[in-house]
């Protein structure tokens, strides 16, 4: 997983945003940019894997950007206290006065009213892509919500007034199966699972599938696994090839054809604070995430498939 780095560090390393880069616009923290329409039913997709370092945030940011480049209106919700998705889109979490934390805990402002999701929606540097940013404050949310009735429904309720303004809502989750991830699962309709093509990668899948089953049966909320994305693939090693085959054997047609190879441009783009398709559209990482976006869009009209593992 890309480490949390300030955008200025990217500049110090000689990595600066090209002002001529396509699809760009300057982010304006704190402003609501809700407008337009949804062409079809809104697809709410959580990117989930309790294992850290699997490329989940990188996938969330770059899949969201590639969907936006394809004229889909996309909202990316950063539900990870590490705020890596927020940094990867050029925002400094330390400078934000309101984030998803205030929304989730329903922190009343000076007027005594709770914080609405629309009030923290922020335009990104990519046209058609908006962000609900995060910060380290979100780490306290699980404790604050633990005693509340209906705590697993907070995000779903807050998302409801704005979800129809978008074609896609993507939720980047923390590397755990705690209350924040549970909120994402209850709010979403589909799950995408990034899996690192390394040893141990499949060991946590049974626990994740059990959690999804609990959400279906105990909460009464239907979730479908849209697909599994192999990440950090290194075709030079036999172990990567074996694990890739193992993922395919386990998930069958739930595995997307787009495997994301290790690519330094993905790291560079996160440091600069823009998606890789803006940083270097011709790079392998950009092309692979564009291929993934096309696979995801191809499911827009597809009938719902049977859950994985059944």
C-alpha atoms as a PDB file:
ATOM      1  CA  UNK A   1       0.000   0.000   0.000  1.00  0.00           C
ATOM      2  CA  UNK A   2       1.335   3.428  -0.877  1.00  0.00           C
ATOM      3  CA  UNK A   3       2.502   5.204   2.253  1.00  0.00           C
ATOM      4  CA  UNK A   4       0.849   8.474   3.314  1.00  0.00           C
ATOM      5  CA  UNK A   5       3.019  11.209   1.832  1.00  0.00           C
ATOM      6  CA  UNK A   6       2.499  14.939   1.514  1.00  0.00           C
ATOM      7  CA  UNK A   7       2.173  16.343  -1.978  1.00  0.00           C
ATOM      8  CA  UNK A   8       5.136  18.619  -1.354  1.00  0.00           C
ATOM      9  CA  UNK A   9       7.327  15.530  -0.969  1.00  0.00           C
ATOM     10  CA  UNK A  10       6.490  14.624  -4.553  1.00  0.00           C
ATOM     11  CA  UNK A  11       7.643  18.059  -5.694  1.00  0.00           C
ATOM     12  CA  UNK A  12      10.869  17.656  -3.764  1.00  0.00           C
ATOM     13  CA  UNK A  13      11.514  14.397  -5.587  1.00  0.00           C
ATOM     14  CA  UNK A  14      11.058  16.097  -8.937  1.00  0.00           C
ATOM     15  CA  UNK A  15       7.544  14.762  -9.403  1.00  0.00           C
ATOM     16  CA  UNK A  16       5.318  17.687 -10.318  1.00  0.00           C
ATOM     17  CA  UNK A  17       1.920  17.839 -11.933  1.00  0.00           C
ATOM     18  CA  UNK A  18       1.942  18.761 -15.601  1.00  0.00           C
ATOM     19  CA  UNK A  19      -0.488  21.720 -15.972  1.00  0.00           C
ATOM     20  CA  UNK A  20      -1.189  20.525 -19.502  1.00  0.00           C
ATOM     21  CA  UNK A  21      -2.289  17.092 -18.280  1.00  0.00           C
ATOM     22  CA  UNK A  22      -5.692  16.081 -19.682  1.00  0.00           C
ATOM     23  CA  UNK A  23      -8.862  15.877 -17.672  1.00  0.00           C
ATOM     24  CA  UNK A  24      -7.420  18.133 -14.949  1.00  0.00           C
ATOM     25  CA  UNK A  25      -8.919  20.808 -12.737  1.00  0.00           C
ATOM     26  CA  UNK A  26      -7.741  22.238  -9.444  1.00  0.00           C
ATOM     27  CA  UNK A  27      -9.265  20.712  -6.318  1.00  0.00           C
ATOM     28  CA  UNK A  28     -11.244  23.119  -4.161  1.00  0.00           C
ATOM     29  CA  UNK A  29     -11.565  21.705  -0.643  1.00  0.00           C
ATOM     30  CA  UNK A  30     -14.866  22.152   1.106  1.00  0.00           C
ATOM     31  CA  UNK A  31     -17.026  23.014  -1.881  1.00  0.00           C
ATOM     32  CA  UNK A  32     -20.085  21.021  -2.892  1.00  0.00           C
ATOM     33  CA  UNK A  33     -20.080  20.180  -6.593  1.00  0.00           C
ATOM     34  CA  UNK A  34     -23.283  18.160  -6.753  1.00  0.00           C
ATOM     35  CA  UNK A  35     -24.983  18.706 -10.068  1.00  0.00           C
ATOM     36  CA  UNK A  36     -25.973  16.819 -13.199  1.00  0.00           C
ATOM     37  CA  UNK A  37     -27.747  13.499 -13.406  1.00  0.00           C
ATOM     38  CA  UNK A  38     -27.357   9.775 -13.176  1.00  0.00           C
ATOM     39  CA  UNK A  39     -27.670   7.936 -16.478  1.00  0.00           C
ATOM     40  CA  UNK A  40     -28.582   4.585 -14.926  1.00  0.00           C
ATOM     41  CA  UNK A  41     -29.045   3.222 -11.450  1.00  0.00           C
ATOM     42  CA  UNK A  42     -26.253   4.309  -9.181  1.00  0.00           C
ATOM     43  CA  UNK A  43     -23.747   1.552  -8.477  1.00  0.00           C
ATOM     44  CA  UNK A  44     -22.306   1.762  -4.969  1.00  0.00           C
ATOM     45  CA  UNK A  45     -19.134  -0.326  -4.786  1.00  0.00           C
ATOM     46  CA  UNK A  46     -16.936  -0.882  -1.734  1.00  0.00           C
ATOM     47  CA  UNK A  47     -13.310  -1.898  -2.217  1.00  0.00           C
ATOM     48  CA  UNK A  48     -12.648  -4.299   0.623  1.00  0.00           C
ATOM     49  CA  UNK A  49      -9.790  -6.436   1.861  1.00  0.00           C
ATOM     50  CA  UNK A  50      -8.839  -6.667   5.521  1.00  0.00           C
ATOM     51  CA  UNK A  51      -5.230  -7.343   4.501  1.00  0.00           C
ATOM     52  CA  UNK A  52      -3.135  -4.208   4.192  1.00  0.00           C
ATOM     53  CA  UNK A  53      -0.716  -3.557   1.355  1.00  0.00           C
ATOM     54  CA  UNK A  54      -2.901  -5.102  -1.336  1.00  0.00           C
ATOM     55  CA  UNK A  55      -3.267  -1.996  -3.510  1.00  0.00           C
ATOM     56  CA  UNK A  56      -6.808  -1.281  -2.360  1.00  0.00           C
ATOM     57  CA  UNK A  57      -6.471   2.508  -2.184  1.00  0.00           C
ATOM     58  CA  UNK A  58      -4.469   2.625  -5.419  1.00  0.00           C
ATOM     59  CA  UNK A  59      -7.261   0.658  -7.080  1.00  0.00           C
ATOM     60  CA  UNK A  60      -9.996   2.837  -5.588  1.00  0.00           C
ATOM     61  CA  UNK A  61      -8.384   6.083  -6.755  1.00  0.00           C
ATOM     62  CA  UNK A  62      -7.393   4.947 -10.233  1.00  0.00           C
ATOM     63  CA  UNK A  63     -10.576   2.993 -10.967  1.00  0.00           C
ATOM     64  CA  UNK A  64     -12.600   6.038  -9.919  1.00  0.00           C
ATOM     65  CA  UNK A  65     -10.523   8.291 -12.177  1.00  0.00           C
ATOM     66  CA  UNK A  66     -10.801   5.975 -15.180  1.00  0.00           C
ATOM     67  CA  UNK A  67     -14.575   5.719 -14.755  1.00  0.00           C
ATOM     68  CA  UNK A  68     -14.698   9.523 -14.635  1.00  0.00           C
ATOM     69  CA  UNK A  69     -12.598   9.798 -17.801  1.00  0.00           C
ATOM     70  CA  UNK A  70     -15.285   7.636 -19.424  1.00  0.00           C
ATOM     71  CA  UNK A  71     -17.870  10.337 -18.572  1.00  0.00           C
ATOM     72  CA  UNK A  72     -19.299   8.570 -15.545  1.00  0.00           C
ATOM     73  CA  UNK A  73     -20.033  10.850 -12.605  1.00  0.00           C
ATOM     74  CA  UNK A  74     -18.111   9.301  -9.719  1.00  0.00           C
ATOM     75  CA  UNK A  75     -18.008   9.940  -5.978  1.00  0.00           C
ATOM     76  CA  UNK A  76     -15.056   8.436  -4.102  1.00  0.00           C
ATOM     77  CA  UNK A  77     -15.554   8.140  -0.334  1.00  0.00           C
ATOM     78  CA  UNK A  78     -12.334   7.792   1.648  1.00  0.00           C
ATOM     79  CA  UNK A  79     -13.386   5.719   4.669  1.00  0.00           C
ATOM     80  CA  UNK A  80      -9.837   4.914   5.780  1.00  0.00           C
ATOM     81  CA  UNK A  81      -8.340   6.940   8.662  1.00  0.00           C
ATOM     82  CA  UNK A  82      -4.958   6.763   6.890  1.00  0.00           C
ATOM     83  CA  UNK A  83      -6.509   9.116   4.288  1.00  0.00           C
ATOM     84  CA  UNK A  84      -4.290   7.786   1.495  1.00  0.00           C
ATOM     85  CA  UNK A  85      -7.017   8.240  -1.113  1.00  0.00           C
ATOM     86  CA  UNK A  86      -7.421  11.851  -0.005  1.00  0.00           C
ATOM     87  CA  UNK A  87      -3.683  12.499  -0.363  1.00  0.00           C
ATOM     88  CA  UNK A  88      -3.581  10.640  -3.688  1.00  0.00           C
ATOM     89  CA  UNK A  89      -6.076  13.161  -5.061  1.00  0.00           C
ATOM     90  CA  UNK A  90      -4.011  16.152  -4.019  1.00  0.00           C
ATOM     91  CA  UNK A  91      -5.563  17.170  -0.685  1.00  0.00           C
ATOM     92  CA  UNK A  92      -3.807  17.628   2.645  1.00  0.00           C
ATOM     93  CA  UNK A  93      -6.003  16.012   5.346  1.00  0.00           C
ATOM     94  CA  UNK A  94      -4.439  18.252   7.981  1.00  0.00           C
ATOM     95  CA  UNK A  95      -5.866  21.348   6.310  1.00  0.00           C
ATOM     96  CA  UNK A  96      -9.457  20.095   6.130  1.00  0.00           C
ATOM     97  CA  UNK A  97     -11.933  21.341   8.715  1.00  0.00           C
ATOM     98  CA  UNK A  98     -14.620  18.801   7.844  1.00  0.00           C
ATOM     99  CA  UNK A  99     -14.211  15.278   6.540  1.00  0.00           C
ATOM    100  CA  UNK A 100     -16.134  12.031   6.464  1.00  0.00           C
ATOM    101  CA  UNK A 101     -15.446  11.753  10.200  1.00  0.00           C
ATOM    102  CA  UNK A 102     -17.909  14.529  11.078  1.00  0.00           C
ATOM    103  CA  UNK A 103     -20.429  12.965   8.695  1.00  0.00           C
ATOM    104  CA  UNK A 104     -20.166   9.445  10.143  1.00  0.00           C
ATOM    105  CA  UNK A 105     -20.352  10.459  13.790  1.00  0.00           C
ATOM    106  CA  UNK A 106     -23.052  13.019  12.889  1.00  0.00           C
ATOM    107  CA  UNK A 107     -21.159  15.725  14.762  1.00  0.00           C
ATOM    108  CA  UNK A 108     -23.476  18.743  15.180  1.00  0.00           C
ATOM    109  CA  UNK A 109     -22.100  22.067  14.034  1.00  0.00           C
ATOM    110  CA  UNK A 110     -22.615  25.479  15.574  1.00  0.00           C
ATOM    111  CA  UNK A 111     -26.236  25.443  14.458  1.00  0.00           C
ATOM    112  CA  UNK A 112     -26.840  22.163  16.257  1.00  0.00           C
ATOM    113  CA  UNK A 113     -27.490  20.314  13.000  1.00  0.00           C
ATOM    114  CA  UNK A 114     -25.660  17.174  11.926  1.00  0.00           C
ATOM    115  CA  UNK A 115     -23.140  17.255   9.078  1.00  0.00           C
ATOM    116  CA  UNK A 116     -24.550  16.215   5.709  1.00  0.00           C
ATOM    117  CA  UNK A 117     -22.400  14.292   3.235  1.00  0.00           C
ATOM    118  CA  UNK A 118     -22.988  16.917   0.549  1.00  0.00           C
ATOM    119  CA  UNK A 119     -21.257  19.536   2.688  1.00  0.00           C
ATOM    120  CA  UNK A 120     -17.898  17.727   2.527  1.00  0.00           C
ATOM    121  CA  UNK A 121     -18.012  16.638  -1.128  1.00  0.00           C
ATOM    122  CA  UNK A 122     -14.932  18.093  -2.825  1.00  0.00           C
ATOM    123  CA  UNK A 123     -14.055  18.293  -6.535  1.00  0.00           C
ATOM    124  CA  UNK A 124     -10.883  16.448  -7.503  1.00  0.00           C
ATOM    125  CA  UNK A 125      -8.353  17.230 -10.216  1.00  0.00           C
ATOM    126  CA  UNK A 126     -10.295  14.939 -12.566  1.00  0.00           C
ATOM    127  CA  UNK A 127     -13.470  16.115 -14.234  1.00  0.00           C
ATOM    128  CA  UNK A 128     -16.560  14.148 -13.151  1.00  0.00           C
ATOM    129  CA  UNK A 129     -14.750  12.814 -10.049  1.00  0.00           C
ATOM    130  CA  UNK A 130     -15.653  14.093  -6.578  1.00  0.00           C
ATOM    131  CA  UNK A 131     -14.164  13.100  -3.237  1.00  0.00           C
ATOM    132  CA  UNK A 132     -15.414  12.776   0.321  1.00  0.00           C
ATOM    133  CA  UNK A 133     -12.076  13.200   2.125  1.00  0.00           C
ATOM    134  CA  UNK A 134     -10.841  11.527   5.274  1.00  0.00           C
ATOM    135  CA  UNK A 135      -8.379  12.325   8.052  1.00  0.00           C
ATOM    136  CA  UNK A 136      -6.795  10.636  11.050  1.00  0.00           C
ATOM    137  CA  UNK A 137      -9.785  11.817  13.140  1.00  0.00           C
ATOM    138  CA  UNK A 138     -11.763   8.973  11.580  1.00  0.00           C
ATOM    139  CA  UNK A 139      -9.784   6.519  13.729  1.00  0.00           C
ATOM    140  CA  UNK A 140     -11.939   7.597  16.682  1.00  0.00           C
ATOM    141  CA  UNK A 141     -15.217   6.949  14.872  1.00  0.00           C
ATOM    142  CA  UNK A 142     -15.488   3.239  15.736  1.00  0.00           C
ATOM    143  CA  UNK A 143     -15.240   3.985  19.457  1.00  0.00           C
ATOM    144  CA  UNK A 144     -17.714   6.863  19.241  1.00  0.00           C
ATOM    145  CA  UNK A 145     -20.234   4.776  17.301  1.00  0.00           C
ATOM    146  CA  UNK A 146     -19.840   1.563  19.280  1.00  0.00           C
ATOM    147  CA  UNK A 147     -22.731   2.238  21.664  1.00  0.00           C
ATOM    148  CA  UNK A 148     -25.134   3.699  19.115  1.00  0.00           C
ATOM    149  CA  UNK A 149     -28.189   1.884  17.874  1.00  0.00           C
ATOM    150  CA  UNK A 150     -28.030   1.396  14.104  1.00  0.00           C
ATOM    151  CA  UNK A 151     -24.333   2.257  14.039  1.00  0.00           C
ATOM    152  CA  UNK A 152     -23.765   0.094  10.960  1.00  0.00           C
ATOM    153  CA  UNK A 153     -26.255   2.212   8.975  1.00  0.00           C
ATOM    154  CA  UNK A 154     -24.657   5.648   9.418  1.00  0.00           C
ATOM    155  CA  UNK A 155     -22.948   5.834   6.026  1.00  0.00           C
ATOM    156  CA  UNK A 156     -25.940   4.398   4.166  1.00  0.00           C
ATOM    157  CA  UNK A 157     -28.237   7.045   5.663  1.00  0.00           C
ATOM    158  CA  UNK A 158     -25.828   9.891   4.934  1.00  0.00           C
ATOM    159  CA  UNK A 159     -25.223   8.706   1.372  1.00  0.00           C
ATOM    160  CA  UNK A 160     -28.927   8.417   0.471  1.00  0.00           C
ATOM    161  CA  UNK A 161     -29.571  12.135  -0.320  1.00  0.00           C
ATOM    162  CA  UNK A 162     -26.685  12.372  -2.820  1.00  0.00           C
ATOM    163  CA  UNK A 163     -26.249   8.906  -4.332  1.00  0.00           C
ATOM    164  CA  UNK A 164     -28.577   9.548  -7.266  1.00  0.00           C
ATOM    165  CA  UNK A 165     -26.357  12.441  -8.378  1.00  0.00           C
ATOM    166  CA  UNK A 166     -23.711   9.920  -9.416  1.00  0.00           C
ATOM    167  CA  UNK A 167     -23.332   6.940 -11.709  1.00  0.00           C
ATOM    168  CA  UNK A 168     -20.794   5.352  -9.339  1.00  0.00           C
ATOM    169  CA  UNK A 169     -19.996   5.695  -5.656  1.00  0.00           C
ATOM    170  CA  UNK A 170     -16.739   3.968  -4.706  1.00  0.00           C
ATOM    171  CA  UNK A 171     -15.836   3.472  -1.040  1.00  0.00           C
ATOM    172  CA  UNK A 172     -12.219   2.941  -0.002  1.00  0.00           C
ATOM    173  CA  UNK A 173     -12.205   0.991   3.262  1.00  0.00           C
ATOM    174  CA  UNK A 174      -9.589   0.482   5.993  1.00  0.00           C
ATOM    175  CA  UNK A 175      -7.554  -2.754   6.177  1.00  0.00           C
ATOM    176  CA  UNK A 176      -9.833  -4.351   8.772  1.00  0.00           C
ATOM    177  CA  UNK A 177     -13.309  -5.801   9.134  1.00  0.00           C
ATOM    178  CA  UNK A 178     -14.351  -3.350  11.841  1.00  0.00           C
ATOM    179  CA  UNK A 179     -17.262  -0.948  12.113  1.00  0.00           C
ATOM    180  CA  UNK A 180     -16.081   1.375   9.342  1.00  0.00           C
ATOM    181  CA  UNK A 181     -15.852  -1.495   6.873  1.00  0.00           C
ATOM    182  CA  UNK A 182     -19.226  -2.769   8.082  1.00  0.00           C
ATOM    183  CA  UNK A 183     -20.698   0.661   7.332  1.00  0.00           C
ATOM    184  CA  UNK A 184     -19.252   0.436   3.815  1.00  0.00           C
ATOM    185  CA  UNK A 185     -20.712  -3.048   3.290  1.00  0.00           C
ATOM    186  CA  UNK A 186     -24.174  -1.954   4.441  1.00  0.00           C
ATOM    187  CA  UNK A 187     -24.018   1.160   2.237  1.00  0.00           C
ATOM    188  CA  UNK A 188     -22.867  -0.632  -0.906  1.00  0.00           C
ATOM    189  CA  UNK A 189     -24.539  -2.959  -3.387  1.00  0.00           C
ATOM    190  CA  UNK A 190     -21.349  -4.505  -4.751  1.00  0.00           C
ATOM    191  CA  UNK A 191     -17.840  -5.315  -3.569  1.00  0.00           C
ATOM    192  CA  UNK A 192     -14.559  -5.317  -5.459  1.00  0.00           C
ATOM    193  CA  UNK A 193     -11.744  -7.205  -3.742  1.00  0.00           C
ATOM    194  CA  UNK A 194      -8.147  -6.305  -4.651  1.00  0.00           C
ATOM    195  CA  UNK A 195      -5.888  -9.287  -3.937  1.00  0.00           C
ATOM    196  CA  UNK A 196      -2.126  -9.023  -3.905  1.00  0.00           C
ATOM    197  CA  UNK A 197      -0.522 -11.838  -5.913  1.00  0.00           C
ATOM    198  CA  UNK A 198       1.674 -12.846  -2.994  1.00  0.00           C
ATOM    199  CA  UNK A 199       1.749 -15.776  -0.609  1.00  0.00           C
ATOM    200  CA  UNK A 200      -0.965 -15.653   2.106  1.00  0.00           C
ATOM    201  CA  UNK A 201      -3.130 -13.464  -0.148  1.00  0.00           C
ATOM    202  CA  UNK A 202      -6.039 -15.909  -0.202  1.00  0.00           C
ATOM    203  CA  UNK A 203      -5.955 -16.850   3.471  1.00  0.00           C
ATOM    204  CA  UNK A 204      -8.156 -13.958   4.597  1.00  0.00           C
ATOM    205  CA  UNK A 205     -10.763 -14.411   1.897  1.00  0.00           C
ATOM    206  CA  UNK A 206     -12.886 -16.872   3.865  1.00  0.00           C
ATOM    207  CA  UNK A 207     -13.212 -14.379   6.703  1.00  0.00           C
ATOM    208  CA  UNK A 208     -14.213 -11.625   4.279  1.00  0.00           C
ATOM    209  CA  UNK A 209     -16.796 -13.862   2.615  1.00  0.00           C
ATOM    210  CA  UNK A 210     -18.164 -14.803   6.041  1.00  0.00           C
ATOM    211  CA  UNK A 211     -18.529 -11.111   6.896  1.00  0.00           C
ATOM    212  CA  UNK A 212     -20.422 -10.491   3.661  1.00  0.00           C
ATOM    213  CA  UNK A 213     -22.654 -13.456   4.478  1.00  0.00           C
ATOM    214  CA  UNK A 214     -23.393 -11.967   7.919  1.00  0.00           C
ATOM    215  CA  UNK A 215     -24.365  -8.659   6.316  1.00  0.00           C
ATOM    216  CA  UNK A 216     -26.705 -10.530   3.973  1.00  0.00           C
ATOM    217  CA  UNK A 217     -28.303 -12.712   6.624  1.00  0.00           C
ATOM    218  CA  UNK A 218     -28.178 -10.673   9.837  1.00  0.00           C
ATOM    219  CA  UNK A 219     -28.533  -7.148   8.479  1.00  0.00           C
ATOM    220  CA  UNK A 220     -30.750  -8.238   5.589  1.00  0.00           C
ATOM    221  CA  UNK A 221     -28.740  -6.333   2.983  1.00  0.00           C
ATOM    222  CA  UNK A 222     -27.897  -7.963  -0.336  1.00  0.00           C
ATOM    223  CA  UNK A 223     -24.299  -7.563  -1.508  1.00  0.00           C
ATOM    224  CA  UNK A 224     -22.795  -8.958  -4.668  1.00  0.00           C
ATOM    225  CA  UNK A 225     -19.103  -9.458  -5.337  1.00  0.00           C
ATOM    226  CA  UNK A 226     -18.622  -7.589  -8.607  1.00  0.00           C
ATOM    227  CA  UNK A 227     -15.158  -9.007  -9.022  1.00  0.00           C
ATOM    228  CA  UNK A 228     -11.680  -9.681  -7.716  1.00  0.00           C
ATOM    229  CA  UNK A 229      -8.671  -7.679  -8.946  1.00  0.00           C
ATOM    230  CA  UNK A 230      -5.199  -9.254  -8.834  1.00  0.00           C
ATOM    231  CA  UNK A 231      -2.695  -6.530  -7.881  1.00  0.00           C
ATOM    232  CA  UNK A 232       1.080  -6.084  -7.641  1.00  0.00           C
ATOM    233  CA  UNK A 233       1.494  -8.840 -10.195  1.00  0.00           C
ATOM    234  CA  UNK A 234       5.046  -9.690 -11.250  1.00  0.00           C
ATOM    235  CA  UNK A 235       5.001 -11.952 -14.296  1.00  0.00           C
ATOM    236  CA  UNK A 236       8.733 -12.615 -13.889  1.00  0.00           C
ATOM    237  CA  UNK A 237       8.193 -14.789 -10.829  1.00  0.00           C
ATOM    238  CA  UNK A 238       6.663 -18.242 -10.775  1.00  0.00           C
ATOM    239  CA  UNK A 239       5.013 -17.606  -7.395  1.00  0.00           C
ATOM    240  CA  UNK A 240       3.002 -14.684  -8.808  1.00  0.00           C
ATOM    241  CA  UNK A 241       1.833 -16.869 -11.674  1.00  0.00           C
ATOM    242  CA  UNK A 242       0.862 -19.657  -9.284  1.00  0.00           C
ATOM    243  CA  UNK A 243      -1.067 -17.305  -6.999  1.00  0.00           C
ATOM    244  CA  UNK A 244      -2.800 -15.722  -9.985  1.00  0.00           C
ATOM    245  CA  UNK A 245      -3.946 -19.178 -11.040  1.00  0.00           C
ATOM    246  CA  UNK A 246      -5.025 -19.888  -7.452  1.00  0.00           C
ATOM    247  CA  UNK A 247      -7.160 -16.730  -7.421  1.00  0.00           C
ATOM    248  CA  UNK A 248      -8.741 -17.774 -10.710  1.00  0.00           C
ATOM    249  CA  UNK A 249      -9.415 -21.287  -9.426  1.00  0.00           C
ATOM    250  CA  UNK A 250     -11.037 -19.954  -6.248  1.00  0.00           C
ATOM    251  CA  UNK A 251     -13.139 -17.139  -7.717  1.00  0.00           C
ATOM    252  CA  UNK A 252     -13.731 -18.383 -11.251  1.00  0.00           C
ATOM    253  CA  UNK A 253     -15.351 -15.776 -13.507  1.00  0.00           C
ATOM    254  CA  UNK A 254     -15.452 -13.352 -10.584  1.00  0.00           C
ATOM    255  CA  UNK A 255     -11.784 -12.572 -11.287  1.00  0.00           C
ATOM    256  CA  UNK A 256     -11.381  -9.603 -13.591  1.00  0.00           C
ATOM    257  CA  UNK A 257      -9.204 -10.157 -16.629  1.00  0.00           C
ATOM    258  CA  UNK A 258      -7.242  -6.997 -15.797  1.00  0.00           C
ATOM    259  CA  UNK A 259      -4.322  -7.897 -13.514  1.00  0.00           C
ATOM    260  CA  UNK A 260      -2.486  -4.861 -12.171  1.00  0.00           C
ATOM    261  CA  UNK A 261       1.276  -5.247 -12.531  1.00  0.00           C
ATOM    262  CA  UNK A 262       3.834  -3.634 -10.264  1.00  0.00           C
ATOM    263  CA  UNK A 263       4.446  -0.194 -11.757  1.00  0.00           C
ATOM    264  CA  UNK A 264       6.494   2.720 -10.417  1.00  0.00           C
ATOM    265  CA  UNK A 265       4.164   5.203 -12.128  1.00  0.00           C
ATOM    266  CA  UNK A 266       1.421   4.199  -9.687  1.00  0.00           C
ATOM    267  CA  UNK A 267       3.655   5.239  -6.785  1.00  0.00           C
ATOM    268  CA  UNK A 268       4.740   8.448  -8.512  1.00  0.00           C
ATOM    269  CA  UNK A 269       1.160   9.505  -9.262  1.00  0.00           C
ATOM    270  CA  UNK A 270       0.158   9.076  -5.617  1.00  0.00           C
ATOM    271  CA  UNK A 271       3.080  11.265  -4.547  1.00  0.00           C
ATOM    272  CA  UNK A 272       2.134  13.976  -7.012  1.00  0.00           C
ATOM    273  CA  UNK A 273      -1.502  13.855  -5.904  1.00  0.00           C
ATOM    274  CA  UNK A 274      -3.160  12.860  -9.182  1.00  0.00           C
ATOM    275  CA  UNK A 275      -4.410   9.533 -10.613  1.00  0.00           C
ATOM    276  CA  UNK A 276      -1.994   7.676 -12.841  1.00  0.00           C
ATOM    277  CA  UNK A 277      -4.106   8.340 -15.938  1.00  0.00           C
ATOM    278  CA  UNK A 278      -3.431  12.056 -15.431  1.00  0.00           C
ATOM    279  CA  UNK A 279       0.209  11.615 -14.410  1.00  0.00           C
ATOM    280  CA  UNK A 280       1.163   9.323 -17.303  1.00  0.00           C
ATOM    281  CA  UNK A 281      -1.733   8.133 -19.514  1.00  0.00           C
ATOM    282  CA  UNK A 282       0.559   5.900 -21.579  1.00  0.00           C
ATOM    283  CA  UNK A 283       1.978   3.995 -18.611  1.00  0.00           C
ATOM    284  CA  UNK A 284       1.198   0.348 -18.049  1.00  0.00           C
ATOM    285  CA  UNK A 285      -0.589   1.138 -14.796  1.00  0.00           C
ATOM    286  CA  UNK A 286      -2.859   3.677 -16.485  1.00  0.00           C
ATOM    287  CA  UNK A 287      -3.752   1.292 -19.279  1.00  0.00           C
ATOM    288  CA  UNK A 288      -4.437  -1.593 -16.916  1.00  0.00           C
ATOM    289  CA  UNK A 289      -6.738   0.477 -14.717  1.00  0.00           C
ATOM    290  CA  UNK A 290      -8.526   1.747 -17.815  1.00  0.00           C
ATOM    291  CA  UNK A 291      -9.028  -1.889 -18.815  1.00  0.00           C
ATOM    292  CA  UNK A 292     -10.439  -2.613 -15.345  1.00  0.00           C
ATOM    293  CA  UNK A 293     -12.801   0.358 -15.637  1.00  0.00           C
ATOM    294  CA  UNK A 294     -14.114  -0.983 -18.932  1.00  0.00           C
ATOM    295  CA  UNK A 295     -14.730  -4.378 -17.339  1.00  0.00           C
ATOM    296  CA  UNK A 296     -16.623  -2.712 -14.494  1.00  0.00           C
ATOM    297  CA  UNK A 297     -18.676  -0.620 -16.935  1.00  0.00           C
ATOM    298  CA  UNK A 298     -19.467  -3.745 -18.940  1.00  0.00           C
ATOM    299  CA  UNK A 299     -21.376  -5.005 -15.889  1.00  0.00           C
ATOM    300  CA  UNK A 300     -23.730  -1.995 -15.907  1.00  0.00           C
ATOM    301  CA  UNK A 301     -26.385  -3.851 -17.875  1.00  0.00           C
ATOM    302  CA  UNK A 302     -25.429  -7.369 -16.837  1.00  0.00           C
ATOM    303  CA  UNK A 303     -27.802  -9.458 -14.710  1.00  0.00           C
ATOM    304  CA  UNK A 304     -26.776  -9.987 -11.105  1.00  0.00           C
ATOM    305  CA  UNK A 305     -24.449 -12.961 -10.764  1.00  0.00           C
ATOM    306  CA  UNK A 306     -24.417 -15.586  -8.037  1.00  0.00           C
ATOM    307  CA  UNK A 307     -22.312 -14.688  -4.979  1.00  0.00           C
ATOM    308  CA  UNK A 308     -18.737 -15.940  -4.917  1.00  0.00           C
ATOM    309  CA  UNK A 309     -18.071 -19.041  -2.883  1.00  0.00           C
ATOM    310  CA  UNK A 310     -21.617 -20.406  -3.434  1.00  0.00           C
END
